[in-house]
Amino acid sequence: MNEVLNQYLLSCLHPWHTQELLRSKRHHNREVESSNVIELVQSRDEKKVEEQLGVSFIESLSISWLFRVFYACYSLIGMFMGLHLFESFALPGTAISTGQSWVSSIAIFFLLLKLVFFPLYFWLYGKFWINIIKIFAQLFEKDDMGNIERVSEEIYANSMSSHTFLVIPIFGELFHRIGNIIFIFGGLRRNLQLSVLQSSLVILCPLLLILFTFFLMGLSLAMLLSGF
């Protein structure tokens, strides 16, 4: 567990270097396996790099969930402190006091709901990015000898180490979101070896999909209105 946490934190502190090491390890092991020199299997296995680098999908999910729990804990503490401070100044029984209590209860409920369903969100968000990376890797002919599924998971899993930023009060969520995009970009550049333009297209793909969806909705609505 300590080694996994250590690799997770290293992926956050040195995201591009970690992705570069993952690519180097994968290529080294592939060269050893495809060596034409006749040698013992044991000797060949010894030449492989077995040292753990980065984190896997499940390991990233587990550690990220722990950071989410930590984030939820101090968020709840902040909410209760804010609610207590507001109630100390507000007149009891008034509409404002009742409304504030209701809003706080809703906020706490959704915070706990996000925490409970975080693994599902992590998996769905991961499948979304992994499939996008796979599509563009094949489009740019970066299949990496059929390892594109593994490479895509490596890029996503280690990019989610940005959850480490959740330990920062107030701005932790913002830093996590920005860091996640930067880490994915770094993985595309160093692990998959895409160019800056190619990596930027992959990063912008979700935004383009959203804009295309709104375009289709607007076009459908316009066609519907024009029919009347």
C-alpha atoms as a PDB file:
ATOM      1  CA  MET A   1       0.000   0.000   0.000  1.00  0.00           C
ATOM      2  CA  ASN A   2       2.838   2.387   0.829  1.00  0.00           C
ATOM      3  CA  GLU A   3       4.499   1.690  -2.520  1.00  0.00           C
ATOM      4  CA  VAL A   4       1.240   2.327  -4.390  1.00  0.00           C
ATOM      5  CA  LEU A   5       0.694   5.606  -2.540  1.00  0.00           C
ATOM      6  CA  ASN A   6       4.290   6.598  -3.204  1.00  0.00           C
ATOM      7  CA  GLN A   7       3.916   5.936  -6.943  1.00  0.00           C
ATOM      8  CA  TYR A   8       0.609   7.828  -6.947  1.00  0.00           C
ATOM      9  CA  LEU A   9       2.216  10.902  -5.367  1.00  0.00           C
ATOM     10  CA  LEU A  10       5.201  10.660  -7.729  1.00  0.00           C
ATOM     11  CA  SER A  11       2.781  10.596 -10.664  1.00  0.00           C
ATOM     12  CA  CYS A  12       1.302  13.830  -9.356  1.00  0.00           C
ATOM     13  CA  LEU A  13       4.615  15.556  -8.618  1.00  0.00           C
ATOM     14  CA  HIS A  14       6.368  14.357 -11.797  1.00  0.00           C
ATOM     15  CA  PRO A  15       3.551  13.537 -14.245  1.00  0.00           C
ATOM     16  CA  TRP A  16       5.478  13.902 -17.503  1.00  0.00           C
ATOM     17  CA  HIS A  17       8.552  12.073 -16.224  1.00  0.00           C
ATOM     18  CA  THR A  18       6.387   9.191 -14.985  1.00  0.00           C
ATOM     19  CA  GLN A  19       4.717   8.853 -18.374  1.00  0.00           C
ATOM     20  CA  GLU A  20       8.119   8.868 -20.060  1.00  0.00           C
ATOM     21  CA  LEU A  21       9.344   6.100 -17.748  1.00  0.00           C
ATOM     22  CA  LEU A  22       6.243   4.017 -18.459  1.00  0.00           C
ATOM     23  CA  ARG A  23       6.871   4.275 -22.184  1.00  0.00           C
ATOM     24  CA  SER A  24      10.569   3.414 -21.764  1.00  0.00           C
ATOM     25  CA  LYS A  25       9.776   0.401 -19.579  1.00  0.00           C
ATOM     26  CA  ARG A  26       7.194  -0.902 -22.044  1.00  0.00           C
ATOM     27  CA  HIS A  27       9.537  -0.564 -25.012  1.00  0.00           C
ATOM     28  CA  HIS A  28      12.446  -2.144 -23.129  1.00  0.00           C
ATOM     29  CA  ASN A  29      10.400  -5.192 -22.119  1.00  0.00           C
ATOM     30  CA  ARG A  30       9.056  -5.538 -25.656  1.00  0.00           C
ATOM     31  CA  GLU A  31      12.575  -5.487 -27.097  1.00  0.00           C
ATOM     32  CA  VAL A  32      13.641  -8.186 -24.643  1.00  0.00           C
ATOM     33  CA  GLU A  33      10.680 -10.384 -25.589  1.00  0.00           C
ATOM     34  CA  SER A  34      11.231  -9.941 -29.317  1.00  0.00           C
ATOM     35  CA  SER A  35      14.993 -10.521 -29.142  1.00  0.00           C
ATOM     36  CA  ASN A  36      16.213 -12.962 -31.792  1.00  0.00           C
ATOM     37  CA  VAL A  37      19.095 -14.084 -29.643  1.00  0.00           C
ATOM     38  CA  ILE A  38      18.599 -17.630 -28.306  1.00  0.00           C
ATOM     39  CA  GLU A  39      18.686 -17.414 -24.547  1.00  0.00           C
ATOM     40  CA  LEU A  40      17.151 -19.006 -21.503  1.00  0.00           C
ATOM     41  CA  VAL A  41      13.667 -17.819 -20.508  1.00  0.00           C
ATOM     42  CA  GLN A  42      14.925 -17.138 -17.002  1.00  0.00           C
ATOM     43  CA  SER A  43      17.717 -14.934 -18.361  1.00  0.00           C
ATOM     44  CA  ARG A  44      15.247 -13.069 -20.554  1.00  0.00           C
ATOM     45  CA  ASP A  45      12.904 -12.458 -17.627  1.00  0.00           C
ATOM     46  CA  GLU A  46      15.776 -11.052 -15.598  1.00  0.00           C
ATOM     47  CA  LYS A  47      16.373  -8.431 -18.277  1.00  0.00           C
ATOM     48  CA  LYS A  48      12.807  -7.173 -18.027  1.00  0.00           C
ATOM     49  CA  VAL A  49      12.078  -4.120 -15.911  1.00  0.00           C
ATOM     50  CA  GLU A  50       9.735  -5.340 -13.171  1.00  0.00           C
ATOM     51  CA  GLU A  51       9.994  -2.289 -10.918  1.00  0.00           C
ATOM     52  CA  GLN A  52       6.611  -0.679 -10.349  1.00  0.00           C
ATOM     53  CA  LEU A  53       6.155   2.606 -12.149  1.00  0.00           C
ATOM     54  CA  GLY A  54       3.011   4.667 -11.853  1.00  0.00           C
ATOM     55  CA  VAL A  55      -0.311   3.177 -10.801  1.00  0.00           C
ATOM     56  CA  SER A  56      -2.853   0.900 -12.441  1.00  0.00           C
ATOM     57  CA  PHE A  57      -6.521   1.727 -13.035  1.00  0.00           C
ATOM     58  CA  ILE A  58      -7.703   0.025  -9.824  1.00  0.00           C
ATOM     59  CA  GLU A  59      -4.858   1.478  -7.750  1.00  0.00           C
ATOM     60  CA  SER A  60      -5.606   4.966  -9.041  1.00  0.00           C
ATOM     61  CA  LEU A  61      -9.299   4.504  -8.249  1.00  0.00           C
ATOM     62  CA  SER A  62      -8.562   3.386  -4.679  1.00  0.00           C
ATOM     63  CA  ILE A  63      -6.154   6.208  -3.824  1.00  0.00           C
ATOM     64  CA  SER A  64      -8.295   8.840  -5.562  1.00  0.00           C
ATOM     65  CA  TRP A  65     -11.284   7.678  -3.519  1.00  0.00           C
ATOM     66  CA  LEU A  66      -9.266   8.174  -0.324  1.00  0.00           C
ATOM     67  CA  PHE A  67      -8.483  11.751  -1.339  1.00  0.00           C
ATOM     68  CA  ARG A  68     -12.167  12.252  -2.126  1.00  0.00           C
ATOM     69  CA  VAL A  69     -13.060  11.045   1.371  1.00  0.00           C
ATOM     70  CA  PHE A  70     -10.546  13.483   2.847  1.00  0.00           C
ATOM     71  CA  TYR A  71     -11.973  16.291   0.703  1.00  0.00           C
ATOM     72  CA  ALA A  72     -15.539  15.434   1.749  1.00  0.00           C
ATOM     73  CA  CYS A  73     -14.560  15.433   5.432  1.00  0.00           C
ATOM     74  CA  TYR A  74     -13.111  18.933   5.536  1.00  0.00           C
ATOM     75  CA  SER A  75     -15.878  20.166   3.187  1.00  0.00           C
ATOM     76  CA  LEU A  76     -18.469  18.919   5.689  1.00  0.00           C
ATOM     77  CA  ILE A  77     -16.578  20.592   8.520  1.00  0.00           C
ATOM     78  CA  GLY A  78     -16.565  23.846   6.534  1.00  0.00           C
ATOM     79  CA  MET A  79     -20.292  23.551   5.800  1.00  0.00           C
ATOM     80  CA  PHE A  80     -21.176  22.935   9.455  1.00  0.00           C
ATOM     81  CA  MET A  81     -18.989  25.834  10.587  1.00  0.00           C
ATOM     82  CA  GLY A  82     -20.588  28.139   8.006  1.00  0.00           C
ATOM     83  CA  LEU A  83     -24.079  27.005   8.959  1.00  0.00           C
ATOM     84  CA  HIS A  84     -23.365  27.491  12.655  1.00  0.00           C
ATOM     85  CA  LEU A  85     -21.947  30.969  11.996  1.00  0.00           C
ATOM     86  CA  PHE A  86     -24.977  31.933   9.917  1.00  0.00           C
ATOM     87  CA  GLU A  87     -27.432  30.639  12.523  1.00  0.00           C
ATOM     88  CA  SER A  88     -25.672  32.648  15.232  1.00  0.00           C
ATOM     89  CA  PHE A  89     -26.529  35.875  13.380  1.00  0.00           C
ATOM     90  CA  ALA A  90     -29.868  34.927  11.799  1.00  0.00           C
ATOM     91  CA  LEU A  91     -33.139  35.199  13.687  1.00  0.00           C
ATOM     92  CA  PRO A  92     -34.439  31.708  14.554  1.00  0.00           C
ATOM     93  CA  GLY A  93     -37.658  30.617  12.874  1.00  0.00           C
ATOM     94  CA  THR A  94     -37.418  33.123  10.030  1.00  0.00           C
ATOM     95  CA  ALA A  95     -37.740  32.198   6.365  1.00  0.00           C
ATOM     96  CA  ILE A  96     -34.076  33.023   5.754  1.00  0.00           C
ATOM     97  CA  SER A  97     -32.917  30.740   8.550  1.00  0.00           C
ATOM     98  CA  THR A  98     -35.164  27.891   7.367  1.00  0.00           C
ATOM     99  CA  GLY A  99     -34.077  28.348   3.751  1.00  0.00           C
ATOM    100  CA  GLN A 100     -30.400  28.333   4.690  1.00  0.00           C
ATOM    101  CA  SER A 101     -30.811  25.101   6.652  1.00  0.00           C
ATOM    102  CA  TRP A 102     -32.628  23.503   3.724  1.00  0.00           C
ATOM    103  CA  VAL A 103     -29.940  24.551   1.211  1.00  0.00           C
ATOM    104  CA  SER A 104     -27.194  23.277   3.518  1.00  0.00           C
ATOM    105  CA  SER A 105     -28.930  19.924   3.893  1.00  0.00           C
ATOM    106  CA  ILE A 106     -29.226  19.580   0.115  1.00  0.00           C
ATOM    107  CA  ALA A 107     -25.538  20.487  -0.338  1.00  0.00           C
ATOM    108  CA  ILE A 108     -24.460  17.901   2.241  1.00  0.00           C
ATOM    109  CA  PHE A 109     -26.677  15.253   0.640  1.00  0.00           C
ATOM    110  CA  PHE A 110     -25.183  15.789  -2.816  1.00  0.00           C
ATOM    111  CA  LEU A 111     -21.649  15.854  -1.388  1.00  0.00           C
ATOM    112  CA  LEU A 112     -22.191  12.442   0.212  1.00  0.00           C
ATOM    113  CA  LEU A 113     -23.916  11.181  -2.925  1.00  0.00           C
ATOM    114  CA  LYS A 114     -20.896  12.137  -5.054  1.00  0.00           C
ATOM    115  CA  LEU A 115     -18.627  10.359  -2.582  1.00  0.00           C
ATOM    116  CA  VAL A 116     -20.642   7.126  -2.627  1.00  0.00           C
ATOM    117  CA  PHE A 117     -20.889   6.996  -6.415  1.00  0.00           C
ATOM    118  CA  PHE A 118     -17.318   8.136  -7.021  1.00  0.00           C
ATOM    119  CA  PRO A 119     -16.108   4.680  -8.234  1.00  0.00           C
ATOM    120  CA  LEU A 120     -18.860   4.642 -10.862  1.00  0.00           C
ATOM    121  CA  TYR A 121     -17.972   8.158 -11.960  1.00  0.00           C
ATOM    122  CA  PHE A 122     -14.273   7.234 -12.084  1.00  0.00           C
ATOM    123  CA  TRP A 123     -15.017   4.201 -14.261  1.00  0.00           C
ATOM    124  CA  LEU A 124     -17.358   6.038 -16.669  1.00  0.00           C
ATOM    125  CA  TYR A 125     -15.045   9.048 -16.948  1.00  0.00           C
ATOM    126  CA  GLY A 126     -12.155   6.671 -17.495  1.00  0.00           C
ATOM    127  CA  LYS A 127     -13.910   4.709 -20.246  1.00  0.00           C
ATOM    128  CA  PHE A 128     -14.756   7.985 -21.950  1.00  0.00           C
ATOM    129  CA  TRP A 129     -11.143   9.199 -22.022  1.00  0.00           C
ATOM    130  CA  ILE A 130      -9.644   5.781 -22.764  1.00  0.00           C
ATOM    131  CA  ASN A 131     -11.871   5.352 -25.823  1.00  0.00           C
ATOM    132  CA  ILE A 132     -11.072   8.864 -27.047  1.00  0.00           C
ATOM    133  CA  ILE A 133      -7.344   8.216 -26.695  1.00  0.00           C
ATOM    134  CA  LYS A 134      -7.674   4.877 -28.492  1.00  0.00           C
ATOM    135  CA  ILE A 135      -9.575   6.445 -31.397  1.00  0.00           C
ATOM    136  CA  PHE A 136      -7.043   9.235 -31.895  1.00  0.00           C
ATOM    137  CA  ALA A 137      -4.091   6.871 -31.422  1.00  0.00           C
ATOM    138  CA  GLN A 138      -5.378   4.732 -34.273  1.00  0.00           C
ATOM    139  CA  LEU A 139      -6.159   7.836 -36.309  1.00  0.00           C
ATOM    140  CA  PHE A 140      -2.602   9.131 -35.853  1.00  0.00           C
ATOM    141  CA  GLU A 141      -1.170   5.615 -36.340  1.00  0.00           C
ATOM    142  CA  LYS A 142       0.209   5.394 -32.804  1.00  0.00           C
ATOM    143  CA  ASP A 143      -1.141   1.931 -32.031  1.00  0.00           C
ATOM    144  CA  ASP A 144       2.162   0.986 -30.326  1.00  0.00           C
ATOM    145  CA  MET A 145       2.198  -2.629 -31.505  1.00  0.00           C
ATOM    146  CA  GLY A 146      -1.308  -3.402 -30.259  1.00  0.00           C
ATOM    147  CA  ASN A 147      -0.765  -2.036 -26.737  1.00  0.00           C
ATOM    148  CA  ILE A 148      -3.027   0.973 -27.174  1.00  0.00           C
ATOM    149  CA  GLU A 149      -5.552  -0.276 -24.599  1.00  0.00           C
ATOM    150  CA  ARG A 150      -2.828  -0.590 -21.984  1.00  0.00           C
ATOM    151  CA  VAL A 151      -1.251   2.757 -22.888  1.00  0.00           C
ATOM    152  CA  SER A 152      -4.608   4.538 -22.736  1.00  0.00           C
ATOM    153  CA  GLU A 153      -5.268   3.108 -19.269  1.00  0.00           C
ATOM    154  CA  GLU A 154      -1.794   4.166 -18.127  1.00  0.00           C
ATOM    155  CA  ILE A 155      -2.356   7.724 -19.299  1.00  0.00           C
ATOM    156  CA  TYR A 156      -5.758   8.001 -17.647  1.00  0.00           C
ATOM    157  CA  ALA A 157      -4.906   6.191 -14.398  1.00  0.00           C
ATOM    158  CA  ASN A 158      -1.821   8.293 -13.724  1.00  0.00           C
ATOM    159  CA  SER A 159      -3.535  11.529 -14.772  1.00  0.00           C
ATOM    160  CA  MET A 160      -6.081  10.977 -11.996  1.00  0.00           C
ATOM    161  CA  SER A 161      -3.274  11.414  -9.463  1.00  0.00           C
ATOM    162  CA  SER A 162      -4.311  15.070  -9.707  1.00  0.00           C
ATOM    163  CA  HIS A 163      -6.771  14.169  -6.913  1.00  0.00           C
ATOM    164  CA  THR A 164      -3.791  14.862  -4.641  1.00  0.00           C
ATOM    165  CA  PHE A 165      -4.582  18.570  -5.048  1.00  0.00           C
ATOM    166  CA  LEU A 166      -7.820  18.014  -3.102  1.00  0.00           C
ATOM    167  CA  VAL A 167      -5.812  18.361   0.111  1.00  0.00           C
ATOM    168  CA  ILE A 168      -5.592  22.097  -0.688  1.00  0.00           C
ATOM    169  CA  PRO A 169      -8.510  23.935   0.958  1.00  0.00           C
ATOM    170  CA  ILE A 170     -10.930  25.955  -1.185  1.00  0.00           C
ATOM    171  CA  PHE A 171      -8.958  25.774  -4.460  1.00  0.00           C
ATOM    172  CA  GLY A 172      -8.246  22.029  -4.365  1.00  0.00           C
ATOM    173  CA  GLU A 173     -11.107  21.062  -6.694  1.00  0.00           C
ATOM    174  CA  LEU A 174     -10.091  23.692  -9.256  1.00  0.00           C
ATOM    175  CA  PHE A 175      -6.437  22.629  -9.157  1.00  0.00           C
ATOM    176  CA  HIS A 176      -7.515  18.998  -9.555  1.00  0.00           C
ATOM    177  CA  ARG A 177      -9.579  19.736 -12.678  1.00  0.00           C
ATOM    178  CA  ILE A 178      -6.848  21.797 -14.310  1.00  0.00           C
ATOM    179  CA  GLY A 179      -4.135  19.344 -13.276  1.00  0.00           C
ATOM    180  CA  ASN A 180      -6.088  16.387 -14.679  1.00  0.00           C
ATOM    181  CA  ILE A 181      -6.205  17.946 -18.154  1.00  0.00           C
ATOM    182  CA  ILE A 182      -2.515  18.887 -17.998  1.00  0.00           C
ATOM    183  CA  PHE A 183      -1.581  15.367 -16.867  1.00  0.00           C
ATOM    184  CA  ILE A 184      -3.551  13.775 -19.717  1.00  0.00           C
ATOM    185  CA  PHE A 185      -1.824  16.150 -22.135  1.00  0.00           C
ATOM    186  CA  GLY A 186       1.540  15.134 -20.690  1.00  0.00           C
ATOM    187  CA  GLY A 187       0.662  11.456 -21.047  1.00  0.00           C
ATOM    188  CA  LEU A 188      -0.278  11.940 -24.681  1.00  0.00           C
ATOM    189  CA  ARG A 189       3.002  13.736 -25.343  1.00  0.00           C
ATOM    190  CA  ARG A 190       5.393  11.490 -23.410  1.00  0.00           C
ATOM    191  CA  ASN A 191       3.722   8.080 -23.252  1.00  0.00           C
ATOM    192  CA  LEU A 192       1.985   7.997 -26.631  1.00  0.00           C
ATOM    193  CA  GLN A 193       4.428  10.446 -28.236  1.00  0.00           C
ATOM    194  CA  LEU A 194       1.826  12.584 -29.960  1.00  0.00           C
ATOM    195  CA  SER A 195       2.747  16.036 -31.186  1.00  0.00           C
ATOM    196  CA  VAL A 196       1.536  19.206 -29.469  1.00  0.00           C
ATOM    197  CA  LEU A 197      -1.155  19.703 -32.123  1.00  0.00           C
ATOM    198  CA  GLN A 198      -2.311  16.096 -31.952  1.00  0.00           C
ATOM    199  CA  SER A 199      -2.425  16.151 -28.129  1.00  0.00           C
ATOM    200  CA  SER A 200      -4.365  19.426 -28.195  1.00  0.00           C
ATOM    201  CA  LEU A 201      -6.951  17.905 -30.535  1.00  0.00           C
ATOM    202  CA  VAL A 202      -7.448  14.986 -28.149  1.00  0.00           C
ATOM    203  CA  ILE A 203      -7.847  17.345 -25.175  1.00  0.00           C
ATOM    204  CA  LEU A 204     -10.330  19.525 -27.080  1.00  0.00           C
ATOM    205  CA  CYS A 205     -12.347  16.542 -28.299  1.00  0.00           C
ATOM    206  CA  PRO A 206     -14.850  16.552 -25.368  1.00  0.00           C
ATOM    207  CA  LEU A 207     -15.504  20.271 -25.916  1.00  0.00           C
ATOM    208  CA  LEU A 208     -15.982  19.693 -29.642  1.00  0.00           C
ATOM    209  CA  LEU A 209     -18.397  16.852 -28.906  1.00  0.00           C
ATOM    210  CA  ILE A 210     -20.421  19.097 -26.591  1.00  0.00           C
ATOM    211  CA  LEU A 211     -20.536  21.892 -29.184  1.00  0.00           C
ATOM    212  CA  PHE A 212     -21.539  19.389 -31.888  1.00  0.00           C
ATOM    213  CA  THR A 213     -24.325  18.071 -29.636  1.00  0.00           C
ATOM    214  CA  PHE A 214     -25.666  21.581 -29.034  1.00  0.00           C
ATOM    215  CA  PHE A 215     -25.455  22.237 -32.782  1.00  0.00           C
ATOM    216  CA  LEU A 216     -27.542  19.151 -33.527  1.00  0.00           C
ATOM    217  CA  MET A 217     -30.052  20.091 -30.827  1.00  0.00           C
ATOM    218  CA  GLY A 218     -30.326  23.627 -32.218  1.00  0.00           C
ATOM    219  CA  LEU A 219     -30.667  22.315 -35.751  1.00  0.00           C
ATOM    220  CA  SER A 220     -33.379  19.863 -34.693  1.00  0.00           C
ATOM    221  CA  LEU A 221     -35.241  22.603 -32.818  1.00  0.00           C
ATOM    222  CA  ALA A 222     -35.012  24.933 -35.825  1.00  0.00           C
ATOM    223  CA  MET A 223     -36.347  22.240 -38.148  1.00  0.00           C
ATOM    224  CA  LEU A 224     -39.163  21.503 -35.697  1.00  0.00           C
ATOM    225  CA  LEU A 225     -40.162  25.162 -35.436  1.00  0.00           C
ATOM    226  CA  SER A 226     -39.987  25.672 -39.168  1.00  0.00           C
ATOM    227  CA  GLY A 227     -42.476  22.849 -39.639  1.00  0.00           C
ATOM    228  CA  PHE A 228     -45.249  24.753 -37.910  1.00  0.00           C
END
